[in-house]
Amino acid sequence: MAEKSIEQAEENLRVNCDCYGNGLSTNTEVLDAENLRTISQFNHSNEFFDAALTESGNW
C-alpha cells in the first residue's frame, strides 16, 4: 500500500514540477508535493519497522 502511495506522490511531484516550469504553479505547490513524497517514503519505512517489531515480539 505504501509503495503505491510513493508512486502517486512521485507522479504528483513530477506534474507539479512540470507546471512550475511552465509558469502554471508556484514553488509552494512543488514544495508541498515534495513534502507529500517524503511523508509517503517515511510511512513506507515505518511499515518495515513495525513489521520487524511485531516479529520480534517487542511491539
Protein backbone atom coordinates (compact mmCIF):
# COMPACT_ATOMS: atom_id res chain seq x y z
CA MET A 1 0.00 0.00 0.00
CA ALA A 2 2.75 2.45 0.90
CA GLU A 3 4.57 1.64 -2.34
CA LYS A 4 1.54 2.77 -4.33
CA SER A 5 1.43 5.92 -2.23
CA ILE A 6 5.08 6.63 -3.09
CA GLU A 7 4.37 6.13 -6.79
CA GLN A 8 1.44 8.55 -6.63
CA ALA A 9 3.48 11.10 -4.68
CA GLU A 10 6.31 10.90 -7.22
CA GLU A 11 3.86 11.41 -10.08
CA ASN A 12 2.30 14.34 -8.23
CA LEU A 13 5.75 15.86 -7.78
CA ARG A 14 6.57 15.36 -11.46
CA VAL A 15 3.34 17.07 -12.52
CA ASN A 16 3.89 19.96 -10.11
CA CYS A 17 7.47 20.43 -11.30
CA ASP A 18 6.29 20.49 -14.91
CA CYS A 19 3.57 23.01 -14.08
CA TYR A 20 6.04 25.17 -12.18
CA GLY A 21 8.50 25.02 -15.08
CA ASN A 22 5.75 26.24 -17.39
CA GLY A 23 4.70 29.03 -15.04
CA LEU A 24 1.40 27.37 -14.15
CA SER A 25 2.00 26.82 -10.44
CA THR A 26 4.02 28.20 -7.56
CA ASN A 27 7.11 26.91 -5.84
CA THR A 28 4.91 26.34 -2.77
CA GLU A 29 2.96 23.72 -4.69
CA VAL A 30 6.22 21.99 -5.63
CA LEU A 31 7.36 22.08 -2.01
CA ASP A 32 4.03 20.64 -0.90
CA ALA A 33 4.44 17.81 -3.42
CA GLU A 34 7.97 17.14 -2.18
CA ASN A 35 6.65 17.06 1.38
CA LEU A 36 3.97 14.53 0.43
CA ARG A 37 6.58 12.33 -1.24
CA THR A 38 8.78 12.49 1.87
CA ILE A 39 5.84 11.55 4.09
CA SER A 40 5.00 8.63 1.80
CA GLN A 41 8.59 7.38 1.96
CA PHE A 42 8.60 7.78 5.74
CA ASN A 43 5.37 5.80 6.05
CA HIS A 44 6.83 3.05 3.87
CA SER A 45 9.88 2.83 6.13
CA ASN A 46 7.64 2.72 9.19
CA GLU A 47 5.79 -0.28 7.76
CA PHE A 48 9.05 -2.24 7.70
CA PHE A 49 9.97 -1.09 11.19
CA ASP A 50 6.55 -2.00 12.58
CA ALA A 51 6.72 -5.43 10.93
CA ALA A 52 10.15 -6.05 12.46
CA LEU A 53 8.91 -5.05 15.91
CA THR A 54 5.88 -7.30 15.57
CA GLU A 55 8.02 -10.25 14.52
CA SER A 56 10.44 -9.72 17.39
CA GLY A 57 7.60 -9.56 19.93
CA ASN A 58 8.65 -6.11 21.14
CA TRP A 59 5.51 -4.40 19.96
